[in-house]
C-alpha atoms as a PDB file:
ATOM      1  CA  MET A   1    -149.968  79.828  66.312  1.00  0.00           C
ATOM      2  CA  HIS A   2    -151.719  76.528  65.783  1.00  0.00           C
ATOM      3  CA  THR A   3    -152.160  73.614  68.189  1.00  0.00           C
ATOM      4  CA  ILE A   4    -151.617  70.209  66.612  1.00  0.00           C
ATOM      5  CA  ARG A   5    -153.176  67.028  68.000  1.00  0.00           C
ATOM      6  CA  PRO A   6    -154.447  63.649  66.775  1.00  0.00           C
ATOM      7  CA  PRO A   7    -158.018  63.366  65.454  1.00  0.00           C
ATOM      8  CA  ARG A   8    -160.878  61.609  67.140  1.00  0.00           C
ATOM      9  CA  VAL A   9    -164.160  60.322  65.696  1.00  0.00           C
ATOM     10  CA  GLU A  10    -165.889  63.169  67.551  1.00  0.00           C
ATOM     11  CA  ASP A  11    -163.929  65.604  65.331  1.00  0.00           C
ATOM     12  CA  ALA A  12    -165.677  64.351  62.174  1.00  0.00           C
ATOM     13  CA  ALA A  13    -168.131  67.278  61.926  1.00  0.00           C
ATOM     14  CA  ALA A  14    -165.366  69.903  62.226  1.00  0.00           C
ATOM     15  CA  MET A  15    -163.223  67.964  59.753  1.00  0.00           C
ATOM     16  CA  TYR A  16    -166.109  67.782  57.317  1.00  0.00           C
ATOM     17  CA  GLU A  17    -166.652  71.559  57.553  1.00  0.00           C
ATOM     18  CA  LEU A  18    -162.971  72.165  56.801  1.00  0.00           C
ATOM     19  CA  ILE A  19    -162.811  69.658  53.909  1.00  0.00           C
ATOM     20  CA  ALA A  20    -166.052  71.026  52.451  1.00  0.00           C
ATOM     21  CA  ALA A  21    -164.621  74.555  52.527  1.00  0.00           C
ATOM     22  CA  TYR A  22    -161.494  73.335  50.710  1.00  0.00           C
ATOM     23  CA  GLU A  23    -163.418  71.328  48.105  1.00  0.00           C
ATOM     24  CA  THR A  24    -165.858  74.155  47.434  1.00  0.00           C
ATOM     25  CA  ALA A  25    -162.976  76.539  46.791  1.00  0.00           C
ATOM     26  CA  VAL A  26    -161.401  74.067  44.342  1.00  0.00           C
ATOM     27  CA  ILE A  27    -164.305  72.348  42.535  1.00  0.00           C
ATOM     28  CA  GLY A  28    -167.302  74.464  43.480  1.00  0.00           C
ATOM     29  CA  ALA A  29    -169.044  72.088  45.918  1.00  0.00           C
ATOM     30  CA  PRO A  30    -168.234  69.564  48.644  1.00  0.00           C
ATOM     31  CA  ASP A  31    -167.127  66.193  47.275  1.00  0.00           C
ATOM     32  CA  MET A  32    -167.071  64.283  50.586  1.00  0.00           C
ATOM     33  CA  THR A  33    -169.915  63.749  53.001  1.00  0.00           C
ATOM     34  CA  LEU A  34    -169.841  63.627  56.789  1.00  0.00           C
ATOM     35  CA  GLU A  35    -170.294  59.859  56.497  1.00  0.00           C
ATOM     36  CA  ASP A  36    -167.190  59.646  54.320  1.00  0.00           C
ATOM     37  CA  VAL A  37    -165.133  61.433  56.962  1.00  0.00           C
ATOM     38  CA  VAL A  38    -166.352  59.084  59.692  1.00  0.00           C
ATOM     39  CA  ASP A  39    -165.589  56.047  57.532  1.00  0.00           C
ATOM     40  CA  GLU A  40    -161.998  57.246  57.021  1.00  0.00           C
ATOM     41  CA  LEU A  41    -161.519  57.758  60.744  1.00  0.00           C
ATOM     42  CA  VAL A  42    -162.606  54.185  61.520  1.00  0.00           C
ATOM     43  CA  GLU A  43    -160.554  52.618  58.696  1.00  0.00           C
ATOM     44  CA  PRO A  44    -158.839  49.560  60.247  1.00  0.00           C
ATOM     45  CA  ASP A  45    -155.418  50.508  58.792  1.00  0.00           C
ATOM     46  CA  PHE A  46    -155.611  54.016  60.308  1.00  0.00           C
ATOM     47  CA  ASP A  47    -154.201  54.559  63.824  1.00  0.00           C
ATOM     48  CA  LEU A  48    -155.965  57.575  65.300  1.00  0.00           C
ATOM     49  CA  ASP A  49    -153.183  58.120  67.822  1.00  0.00           C
ATOM     50  CA  LYS A  50    -150.291  58.047  65.363  1.00  0.00           C
ATOM     51  CA  ASP A  51    -151.448  58.565  61.759  1.00  0.00           C
ATOM     52  CA  GLY A  52    -153.417  61.835  61.756  1.00  0.00           C
ATOM     53  CA  TRP A  53    -153.050  65.431  62.828  1.00  0.00           C
ATOM     54  CA  LEU A  54    -155.478  68.318  63.286  1.00  0.00           C
ATOM     55  CA  ALA A  55    -154.342  71.938  63.498  1.00  0.00           C
ATOM     56  CA  HIS A  56    -156.518  74.427  65.429  1.00  0.00           C
ATOM     57  CA  ASP A  57    -155.951  78.168  65.608  1.00  0.00           C
ATOM     58  CA  ALA A  58    -155.922  80.171  68.829  1.00  0.00           C
ATOM     59  CA  ASP A  59    -159.711  80.500  68.723  1.00  0.00           C
ATOM     60  CA  GLY A  60    -160.234  76.759  68.335  1.00  0.00           C
ATOM     61  CA  ARG A  61    -161.081  76.794  64.600  1.00  0.00           C
ATOM     62  CA  LEU A  62    -159.878  73.736  62.687  1.00  0.00           C
ATOM     63  CA  ASP A  63    -157.591  74.993  59.930  1.00  0.00           C
ATOM     64  CA  ALA A  64    -155.911  71.807  58.673  1.00  0.00           C
ATOM     65  CA  THR A  65    -156.147  68.040  58.684  1.00  0.00           C
ATOM     66  CA  SER A  66    -153.438  65.650  57.552  1.00  0.00           C
ATOM     67  CA  TRP A  67    -152.637  61.967  57.616  1.00  0.00           C
ATOM     68  CA  ALA A  68    -150.369  59.101  56.625  1.00  0.00           C
ATOM     69  CA  CYS A  69    -152.263  55.797  56.275  1.00  0.00           C
ATOM     70  CA  ARG A  70    -150.636  52.449  55.527  1.00  0.00           C
ATOM     71  CA  ASN A  71    -151.976  50.119  52.886  1.00  0.00           C
ATOM     72  CA  GLY A  72    -151.895  46.733  54.545  1.00  0.00           C
ATOM     73  CA  ASP A  73    -148.363  45.409  54.964  1.00  0.00           C
ATOM     74  CA  SER A  74    -147.190  46.899  51.658  1.00  0.00           C
ATOM     75  CA  ASP A  75    -144.765  49.792  51.210  1.00  0.00           C
ATOM     76  CA  LEU A  76    -147.592  52.032  49.970  1.00  0.00           C
ATOM     77  CA  VAL A  77    -148.689  54.900  52.231  1.00  0.00           C
ATOM     78  CA  ASP A  78    -151.577  57.258  51.401  1.00  0.00           C
ATOM     79  CA  VAL A  79    -150.828  60.805  52.542  1.00  0.00           C
ATOM     80  CA  ASP A  80    -152.564  64.191  52.421  1.00  0.00           C
ATOM     81  CA  VAL A  81    -152.519  67.676  53.906  1.00  0.00           C
ATOM     82  CA  ILE A  82    -155.694  69.749  53.598  1.00  0.00           C
ATOM     83  CA  VAL A  83    -155.537  73.372  54.687  1.00  0.00           C
ATOM     84  CA  ARG A  84    -158.385  75.870  55.010  1.00  0.00           C
ATOM     85  CA  PRO A  85    -158.430  78.314  52.046  1.00  0.00           C
ATOM     86  CA  GLY A  86    -156.624  81.532  52.924  1.00  0.00           C
ATOM     87  CA  VAL A  87    -154.485  80.044  55.707  1.00  0.00           C
ATOM     88  CA  VAL A  88    -150.829  80.475  54.755  1.00  0.00           C
ATOM     89  CA  GLY A  89    -147.805  78.507  55.925  1.00  0.00           C
ATOM     90  CA  LEU A  90    -149.564  75.707  57.778  1.00  0.00           C
ATOM     91  CA  ALA A  91    -148.904  73.065  55.136  1.00  0.00           C
ATOM     92  CA  GLY A  92    -145.181  73.634  55.644  1.00  0.00           C
ATOM     93  CA  GLU A  93    -145.552  72.688  59.306  1.00  0.00           C
ATOM     94  CA  LEU A  94    -147.565  69.535  58.662  1.00  0.00           C
ATOM     95  CA  TRP A  95    -145.771  67.950  55.692  1.00  0.00           C
ATOM     96  CA  PRO A  96    -142.582  67.092  57.645  1.00  0.00           C
ATOM     97  CA  ILE A  97    -144.734  65.360  60.291  1.00  0.00           C
ATOM     98  CA  VAL A  98    -146.598  63.393  57.637  1.00  0.00           C
ATOM     99  CA  LEU A  99    -143.378  62.328  55.847  1.00  0.00           C
ATOM    100  CA  GLU A 100    -141.731  61.214  59.046  1.00  0.00           C
ATOM    101  CA  ARG A 101    -144.704  59.085  60.010  1.00  0.00           C
ATOM    102  CA  ALA A 102    -144.720  57.567  56.513  1.00  0.00           C
ATOM    103  CA  ARG A 103    -141.102  56.551  57.008  1.00  0.00           C
ATOM    104  CA  GLU A 104    -141.997  54.976  60.334  1.00  0.00           C
ATOM    105  CA  LEU A 105    -144.874  53.031  58.755  1.00  0.00           C
ATOM    106  CA  GLY A 106    -142.475  51.556  56.228  1.00  0.00           C
ATOM    107  CA  ALA A 107    -139.871  50.649  58.824  1.00  0.00           C
ATOM    108  CA  GLU A 108    -142.493  49.052  61.086  1.00  0.00           C
ATOM    109  CA  ARG A 109    -143.360  46.667  58.246  1.00  0.00           C
ATOM    110  CA  GLY A 110    -139.782  45.844  57.335  1.00  0.00           C
ATOM    111  CA  HIS A 111    -139.468  48.000  54.183  1.00  0.00           C
ATOM    112  CA  ASP A 112    -136.327  49.958  53.367  1.00  0.00           C
ATOM    113  CA  GLY A 113    -138.463  52.699  51.817  1.00  0.00           C
ATOM    114  CA  VAL A 114    -142.031  53.719  51.142  1.00  0.00           C
ATOM    115  CA  THR A 115    -144.009  54.868  48.143  1.00  0.00           C
ATOM    116  CA  LEU A 116    -146.352  57.746  48.899  1.00  0.00           C
ATOM    117  CA  HIS A 117    -149.623  58.349  47.072  1.00  0.00           C
ATOM    118  CA  LEU A 118    -151.298  61.773  47.141  1.00  0.00           C
ATOM    119  CA  GLY A 119    -154.638  62.419  45.410  1.00  0.00           C
ATOM    120  CA  VAL A 120    -155.013  65.871  43.825  1.00  0.00           C
ATOM    121  CA  TYR A 121    -158.017  67.242  41.962  1.00  0.00           C
ATOM    122  CA  ARG A 122    -156.990  68.174  38.421  1.00  0.00           C
ATOM    123  CA  ALA A 123    -158.496  71.631  39.041  1.00  0.00           C
ATOM    124  CA  ASP A 124    -156.315  72.274  42.111  1.00  0.00           C
ATOM    125  CA  GLN A 125    -153.285  74.028  40.698  1.00  0.00           C
ATOM    126  CA  VAL A 126    -152.173  75.203  44.130  1.00  0.00           C
ATOM    127  CA  LYS A 127    -151.952  71.660  45.469  1.00  0.00           C
ATOM    128  CA  GLN A 128    -150.209  70.475  42.297  1.00  0.00           C
ATOM    129  CA  ALA A 129    -147.506  73.092  42.943  1.00  0.00           C
ATOM    130  CA  MET A 130    -147.307  71.969  46.568  1.00  0.00           C
ATOM    131  CA  ALA A 131    -146.918  68.340  45.471  1.00  0.00           C
ATOM    132  CA  LYS A 132    -143.994  69.279  43.240  1.00  0.00           C
ATOM    133  CA  GLU A 133    -142.442  71.322  46.042  1.00  0.00           C
ATOM    134  CA  TRP A 134    -142.473  68.280  48.329  1.00  0.00           C
ATOM    135  CA  GLY A 135    -140.919  65.984  45.722  1.00  0.00           C
ATOM    136  CA  PHE A 136    -144.005  64.279  44.274  1.00  0.00           C
ATOM    137  CA  GLU A 137    -144.378  63.379  40.602  1.00  0.00           C
ATOM    138  CA  PRO A 138    -147.503  62.472  38.587  1.00  0.00           C
ATOM    139  CA  GLY A 139    -148.270  58.736  38.829  1.00  0.00           C
ATOM    140  CA  THR A 140    -151.636  58.165  37.150  1.00  0.00           C
ATOM    141  CA  SER A 141    -155.051  59.752  36.696  1.00  0.00           C
ATOM    142  CA  PHE A 142    -158.489  58.540  37.732  1.00  0.00           C
ATOM    143  CA  HIS A 143    -161.555  59.718  35.830  1.00  0.00           C
ATOM    144  CA  ARG A 144    -164.879  59.899  37.590  1.00  0.00           C
ATOM    145  CA  MET A 145    -167.511  58.632  35.186  1.00  0.00           C
ATOM    146  CA  ARG A 146    -171.267  58.997  35.441  1.00  0.00           C
ATOM    147  CA  ILE A 147    -174.392  57.882  33.625  1.00  0.00           C
ATOM    148  CA  ASP A 148    -177.873  59.230  34.385  1.00  0.00           C
ATOM    149  CA  HIS A 149    -180.965  57.046  34.658  1.00  0.00           C
ATOM    150  CA  ASP A 150    -184.232  58.527  33.409  1.00  0.00           C
ATOM    151  CA  GLY A 151    -186.480  55.788  34.697  1.00  0.00           C
ATOM    152  CA  PRO A 152    -186.054  51.990  34.527  1.00  0.00           C
ATOM    153  CA  VAL A 153    -183.056  50.480  32.745  1.00  0.00           C
ATOM    154  CA  GLU A 154    -183.607  47.182  30.951  1.00  0.00           C
ATOM    155  CA  PRO A 155    -181.369  44.439  32.390  1.00  0.00           C
ATOM    156  CA  PRO A 156    -178.801  43.151  29.892  1.00  0.00           C
ATOM    157  CA  ALA A 157    -179.070  39.770  28.226  1.00  0.00           C
ATOM    158  CA  PRO A 158    -176.865  37.290  30.141  1.00  0.00           C
ATOM    159  CA  PRO A 159    -174.013  35.451  28.437  1.00  0.00           C
ATOM    160  CA  ALA A 160    -174.491  31.717  27.937  1.00  0.00           C
ATOM    161  CA  GLY A 161    -173.735  29.662  31.029  1.00  0.00           C
ATOM    162  CA  LEU A 162    -174.034  32.621  33.419  1.00  0.00           C
ATOM    163  CA  THR A 163    -175.072  32.342  37.069  1.00  0.00           C
ATOM    164  CA  LEU A 164    -175.321  35.396  39.366  1.00  0.00           C
ATOM    165  CA  ARG A 165    -174.919  35.155  43.149  1.00  0.00           C
ATOM    166  CA  SER A 166    -175.420  37.865  45.772  1.00  0.00           C
ATOM    167  CA  GLY A 167    -172.910  38.949  48.393  1.00  0.00           C
ATOM    168  CA  GLU A 168    -175.160  38.375  51.389  1.00  0.00           C
ATOM    169  CA  SER A 169    -173.636  34.870  51.627  1.00  0.00           C
ATOM    170  CA  GLU A 170    -170.143  34.487  53.107  1.00  0.00           C
ATOM    171  CA  ASP A 171    -169.303  31.798  50.568  1.00  0.00           C
ATOM    172  CA  VAL A 172    -170.073  34.238  47.781  1.00  0.00           C
ATOM    173  CA  ARG A 173    -168.067  37.014  49.453  1.00  0.00           C
ATOM    174  CA  ARG A 174    -165.045  34.742  49.736  1.00  0.00           C
ATOM    175  CA  GLU A 175    -165.228  33.842  46.029  1.00  0.00           C
ATOM    176  CA  ALA A 176    -165.739  37.522  45.170  1.00  0.00           C
ATOM    177  CA  HIS A 177    -162.641  38.446  47.194  1.00  0.00           C
ATOM    178  CA  LEU A 178    -160.528  35.970  45.199  1.00  0.00           C
ATOM    179  CA  VAL A 179    -161.860  37.317  41.886  1.00  0.00           C
ATOM    180  CA  HIS A 180    -161.155  40.871  43.042  1.00  0.00           C
ATOM    181  CA  GLN A 181    -157.582  40.023  44.096  1.00  0.00           C
ATOM    182  CA  LYS A 182    -156.762  38.172  40.884  1.00  0.00           C
ATOM    183  CA  GLY A 183    -158.596  40.584  38.596  1.00  0.00           C
ATOM    184  CA  PHE A 184    -156.791  43.671  39.988  1.00  0.00           C
ATOM    185  CA  ALA A 185    -153.349  42.127  40.504  1.00  0.00           C
ATOM    186  CA  ASP A 186    -151.713  44.205  37.755  1.00  0.00           C
ATOM    187  CA  HIS A 187    -153.502  47.495  38.418  1.00  0.00           C
ATOM    188  CA  PHE A 188    -151.872  50.696  39.668  1.00  0.00           C
ATOM    189  CA  GLY A 189    -151.420  50.781  43.427  1.00  0.00           C
ATOM    190  CA  PHE A 190    -153.040  47.402  44.033  1.00  0.00           C
ATOM    191  CA  VAL A 191    -152.091  45.653  47.285  1.00  0.00           C
ATOM    192  CA  ALA A 192    -153.145  42.060  47.922  1.00  0.00           C
ATOM    193  CA  ILE A 193    -154.936  41.422  51.230  1.00  0.00           C
ATOM    194  CA  ASP A 194    -156.481  38.344  52.774  1.00  0.00           C
ATOM    195  CA  TYR A 195    -160.197  37.822  53.058  1.00  0.00           C
ATOM    196  CA  ASP A 196    -160.497  38.728  56.754  1.00  0.00           C
ATOM    197  CA  ARG A 197    -158.865  42.136  56.242  1.00  0.00           C
ATOM    198  CA  TRP A 198    -160.836  42.732  53.030  1.00  0.00           C
ATOM    199  CA  TYR A 199    -164.085  41.992  54.840  1.00  0.00           C
ATOM    200  CA  GLU A 200    -163.139  44.025  57.910  1.00  0.00           C
ATOM    201  CA  ARG A 201    -162.441  47.142  55.865  1.00  0.00           C
ATOM    202  CA  ARG A 202    -165.799  46.974  54.092  1.00  0.00           C
ATOM    203  CA  GLN A 203    -167.732  45.993  57.158  1.00  0.00           C
ATOM    204  CA  ALA A 204    -166.387  49.089  58.947  1.00  0.00           C
ATOM    205  CA  GLN A 205    -167.812  51.424  56.293  1.00  0.00           C
ATOM    206  CA  SER A 206    -171.317  52.806  56.602  1.00  0.00           C
ATOM    207  CA  ILE A 207    -171.655  52.752  52.810  1.00  0.00           C
ATOM    208  CA  THR A 208    -171.361  48.946  52.515  1.00  0.00           C
ATOM    209  CA  ASP A 209    -174.405  47.007  51.331  1.00  0.00           C
ATOM    210  CA  TRP A 210    -173.532  43.375  50.607  1.00  0.00           C
ATOM    211  CA  SER A 211    -176.654  42.975  48.475  1.00  0.00           C
ATOM    212  CA  GLN A 212    -174.869  45.182  45.917  1.00  0.00           C
ATOM    213  CA  LEU A 213    -172.102  42.611  45.435  1.00  0.00           C
ATOM    214  CA  THR A 214    -172.788  40.327  42.471  1.00  0.00           C
ATOM    215  CA  LEU A 215    -170.532  37.385  41.674  1.00  0.00           C
ATOM    216  CA  ALA A 216    -170.704  36.115  38.112  1.00  0.00           C
ATOM    217  CA  GLU A 217    -170.006  32.471  37.381  1.00  0.00           C
ATOM    218  CA  LEU A 218    -169.611  31.072  33.881  1.00  0.00           C
ATOM    219  CA  ASP A 219    -170.221  27.358  33.528  1.00  0.00           C
ATOM    220  CA  GLY A 220    -169.998  27.020  37.313  1.00  0.00           C
ATOM    221  CA  ARG A 221    -166.624  28.800  37.672  1.00  0.00           C
ATOM    222  CA  PRO A 222    -166.155  32.245  39.325  1.00  0.00           C
ATOM    223  CA  ALA A 223    -165.405  34.647  36.487  1.00  0.00           C
ATOM    224  CA  GLY A 224    -166.173  38.237  37.494  1.00  0.00           C
ATOM    225  CA  VAL A 225    -167.550  40.482  40.204  1.00  0.00           C
ATOM    226  CA  VAL A 226    -169.193  43.871  40.516  1.00  0.00           C
ATOM    227  CA  ILE A 227    -169.341  45.546  43.929  1.00  0.00           C
ATOM    228  CA  GLY A 228    -171.534  48.595  44.466  1.00  0.00           C
ATOM    229  CA  ASN A 229    -171.989  50.719  47.583  1.00  0.00           C
ATOM    230  CA  ASN A 230    -173.787  53.846  48.810  1.00  0.00           C
ATOM    231  CA  GLN A 231    -170.864  56.283  48.695  1.00  0.00           C
ATOM    232  CA  PHE A 232    -172.619  58.739  46.375  1.00  0.00           C
ATOM    233  CA  LEU A 233    -176.141  58.160  47.666  1.00  0.00           C
ATOM    234  CA  PRO A 234    -176.362  60.954  50.309  1.00  0.00           C
ATOM    235  CA  ASP A 235    -175.112  63.826  48.137  1.00  0.00           C
ATOM    236  CA  GLN A 236    -175.836  62.804  44.519  1.00  0.00           C
ATOM    237  CA  ASP A 237    -178.508  60.118  44.824  1.00  0.00           C
ATOM    238  CA  CYS A 238    -176.361  57.839  42.683  1.00  0.00           C
ATOM    239  CA  GLY A 239    -175.178  54.284  42.891  1.00  0.00           C
ATOM    240  CA  TYR A 240    -171.421  53.666  42.917  1.00  0.00           C
ATOM    241  CA  VAL A 241    -169.504  50.849  41.262  1.00  0.00           C
ATOM    242  CA  ALA A 242    -166.528  50.510  43.607  1.00  0.00           C
ATOM    243  CA  THR A 243    -165.153  47.372  41.944  1.00  0.00           C
ATOM    244  CA  LEU A 244    -165.607  45.709  38.547  1.00  0.00           C
ATOM    245  CA  ALA A 245    -163.274  42.806  37.883  1.00  0.00           C
ATOM    246  CA  VAL A 246    -163.147  39.971  35.371  1.00  0.00           C
ATOM    247  CA  LEU A 247    -160.560  37.216  35.624  1.00  0.00           C
ATOM    248  CA  PRO A 248    -158.068  37.238  32.726  1.00  0.00           C
ATOM    249  CA  GLU A 249    -159.190  33.888  31.305  1.00  0.00           C
ATOM    250  CA  PHE A 250    -162.782  35.169  30.962  1.00  0.00           C
ATOM    251  CA  ARG A 251    -162.016  38.543  29.353  1.00  0.00           C
ATOM    252  CA  GLY A 252    -163.112  39.333  25.819  1.00  0.00           C
ATOM    253  CA  ARG A 253    -166.475  37.555  26.244  1.00  0.00           C
ATOM    254  CA  GLY A 254    -168.603  40.568  27.145  1.00  0.00           C
ATOM    255  CA  LEU A 255    -168.788  39.790  30.852  1.00  0.00           C
ATOM    256  CA  GLY A 256    -167.449  43.178  31.990  1.00  0.00           C
ATOM    257  CA  ARG A 257    -170.027  45.013  29.872  1.00  0.00           C
ATOM    258  CA  PHE A 258    -172.758  42.736  31.195  1.00  0.00           C
ATOM    259  CA  LEU A 259    -171.820  43.401  34.841  1.00  0.00           C
ATOM    260  CA  LEU A 260    -171.649  47.135  34.202  1.00  0.00           C
ATOM    261  CA  ARG A 261    -175.129  47.213  32.646  1.00  0.00           C
ATOM    262  CA  HIS A 262    -176.362  44.906  35.414  1.00  0.00           C
ATOM    263  CA  ALA A 263    -175.228  47.558  37.900  1.00  0.00           C
ATOM    264  CA  PHE A 264    -177.008  50.294  35.901  1.00  0.00           C
ATOM    265  CA  ALA A 265    -180.259  48.340  35.922  1.00  0.00           C
ATOM    266  CA  ALA A 266    -179.963  47.600  39.640  1.00  0.00           C
ATOM    267  CA  ASP A 267    -179.319  51.250  40.505  1.00  0.00           C
ATOM    268  CA  ALA A 268    -182.224  52.404  38.376  1.00  0.00           C
ATOM    269  CA  ALA A 269    -184.470  49.831  40.074  1.00  0.00           C
ATOM    270  CA  ARG A 270    -183.446  51.319  43.423  1.00  0.00           C
ATOM    271  CA  GLY A 271    -184.670  54.695  42.125  1.00  0.00           C
ATOM    272  CA  ARG A 272    -181.220  56.248  41.899  1.00  0.00           C
ATOM    273  CA  GLN A 273    -180.589  59.116  39.515  1.00  0.00           C
ATOM    274  CA  GLY A 274    -177.427  57.614  38.075  1.00  0.00           C
ATOM    275  CA  THR A 275    -174.375  55.439  38.492  1.00  0.00           C
ATOM    276  CA  ILE A 276    -170.830  56.667  39.213  1.00  0.00           C
ATOM    277  CA  LEU A 277    -167.441  54.927  39.085  1.00  0.00           C
ATOM    278  CA  HIS A 278    -163.743  55.750  38.906  1.00  0.00           C
ATOM    279  CA  VAL A 279    -161.399  54.387  36.268  1.00  0.00           C
ATOM    280  CA  ASP A 280    -157.602  54.521  36.073  1.00  0.00           C
ATOM    281  CA  SER A 281    -156.486  56.032  32.791  1.00  0.00           C
ATOM    282  CA  ASN A 282    -153.489  53.606  32.838  1.00  0.00           C
ATOM    283  CA  ASN A 283    -155.685  50.574  33.473  1.00  0.00           C
ATOM    284  CA  THR A 284    -154.259  47.289  32.201  1.00  0.00           C
ATOM    285  CA  THR A 285    -157.617  46.601  30.528  1.00  0.00           C
ATOM    286  CA  PRO A 286    -159.400  49.019  28.149  1.00  0.00           C
ATOM    287  CA  ALA A 287    -161.871  50.046  30.859  1.00  0.00           C
ATOM    288  CA  LEU A 288    -162.216  53.719  29.931  1.00  0.00           C
ATOM    289  CA  GLY A 289    -163.403  52.820  26.429  1.00  0.00           C
ATOM    290  CA  LEU A 290    -165.831  50.294  27.849  1.00  0.00           C
ATOM    291  CA  TYR A 291    -167.456  52.812  30.160  1.00  0.00           C
ATOM    292  CA  GLU A 292    -167.691  55.502  27.473  1.00  0.00           C
ATOM    293  CA  SER A 293    -169.232  53.049  24.990  1.00  0.00           C
ATOM    294  CA  ALA A 294    -171.789  52.129  27.664  1.00  0.00           C
ATOM    295  CA  GLY A 295    -172.941  55.743  27.833  1.00  0.00           C
ATOM    296  CA  MET A 296    -170.902  57.035  30.763  1.00  0.00           C
ATOM    297  CA  ARG A 297    -169.252  60.441  30.632  1.00  0.00           C
ATOM    298  CA  PRO A 298    -166.257  61.869  32.537  1.00  0.00           C
ATOM    299  CA  VAL A 299    -167.236  64.447  35.149  1.00  0.00           C
ATOM    300  CA  MET A 300    -163.979  64.904  37.068  1.00  0.00           C
ATOM    301  CA  ALA A 301    -160.268  64.009  36.990  1.00  0.00           C
ATOM    302  CA  ILE A 302    -158.205  63.191  40.057  1.00  0.00           C
ATOM    303  CA  ASP A 303    -154.461  62.713  39.672  1.00  0.00           C
ATOM    304  CA  VAL A 304    -152.394  60.483  41.918  1.00  0.00           C
ATOM    305  CA  TRP A 305    -148.942  61.916  42.639  1.00  0.00           C
ATOM    306  CA  ARG A 306    -146.150  59.669  43.869  1.00  0.00           C
ATOM    307  CA  ARG A 307    -142.997  60.054  45.847  1.00  0.00           C
ATOM    308  CA  ARG A 308    -140.473  57.432  46.899  1.00  0.00           C
ATOM    309  CA  LEU A 309    -138.904  57.859  50.348  1.00  0.00           C
END
């Protein structure tokens, strides 16, 4: 028998131990850090009382964690059920709870249905089978790319008319938010949010470093943005490009490549061993080819499975 209750921030260490055990069984090593777990628990869109569930066995060991987290006011809901390797049957208890909460989240926001997103490591055949069992279908795939830095990286030559501005200024952050929203409007799973929510989400995360946001202006007009953070610093000593966006009217002028190489040079200057990013294989722009041509290599694939309720 398992006891099911909502999570609390104080449960982060136990949750990390469970998730690390699962990830080690699937990909050979933990992929999340304790800081990542805490950041997810304090996510502004996540209601600790209603959106998450922990399952403890009779001895108090945490054997499963699960959640349904809304994505702003959209009909998208991120869901997951993670069960300790070797524990049988528990996923079947938790999935109905998760699906019911997902329905509630849609109804609370006035939607007549919801679209669920479930991330699954390509190597996790057991979870793929579980996703199919619960009615999910493949939606897209994200490739984790990496490049290693063996010492300093020469900054790229700037395009003509370029000005770079740092994210420590609120004016710059507001312009960067607009570029991000417009640049990603056609991407898989994108949900538009206003500046206040955008800022709140990032400000709540321990990995955020506004000095790693660079807004690019061409001839005085906002044109592109690259946003880095410290997500992969504790475990891999790498920088992370969380966002790279160029407005449609400025594409094809080498700005995306410049911003990518700018991020490489900045990470190398910080003494980091490499730079990591994720790219959607169904991206509306040829991003995968850009990253490979810049020397990055794929190190992992994560598939997003979808289900419409």
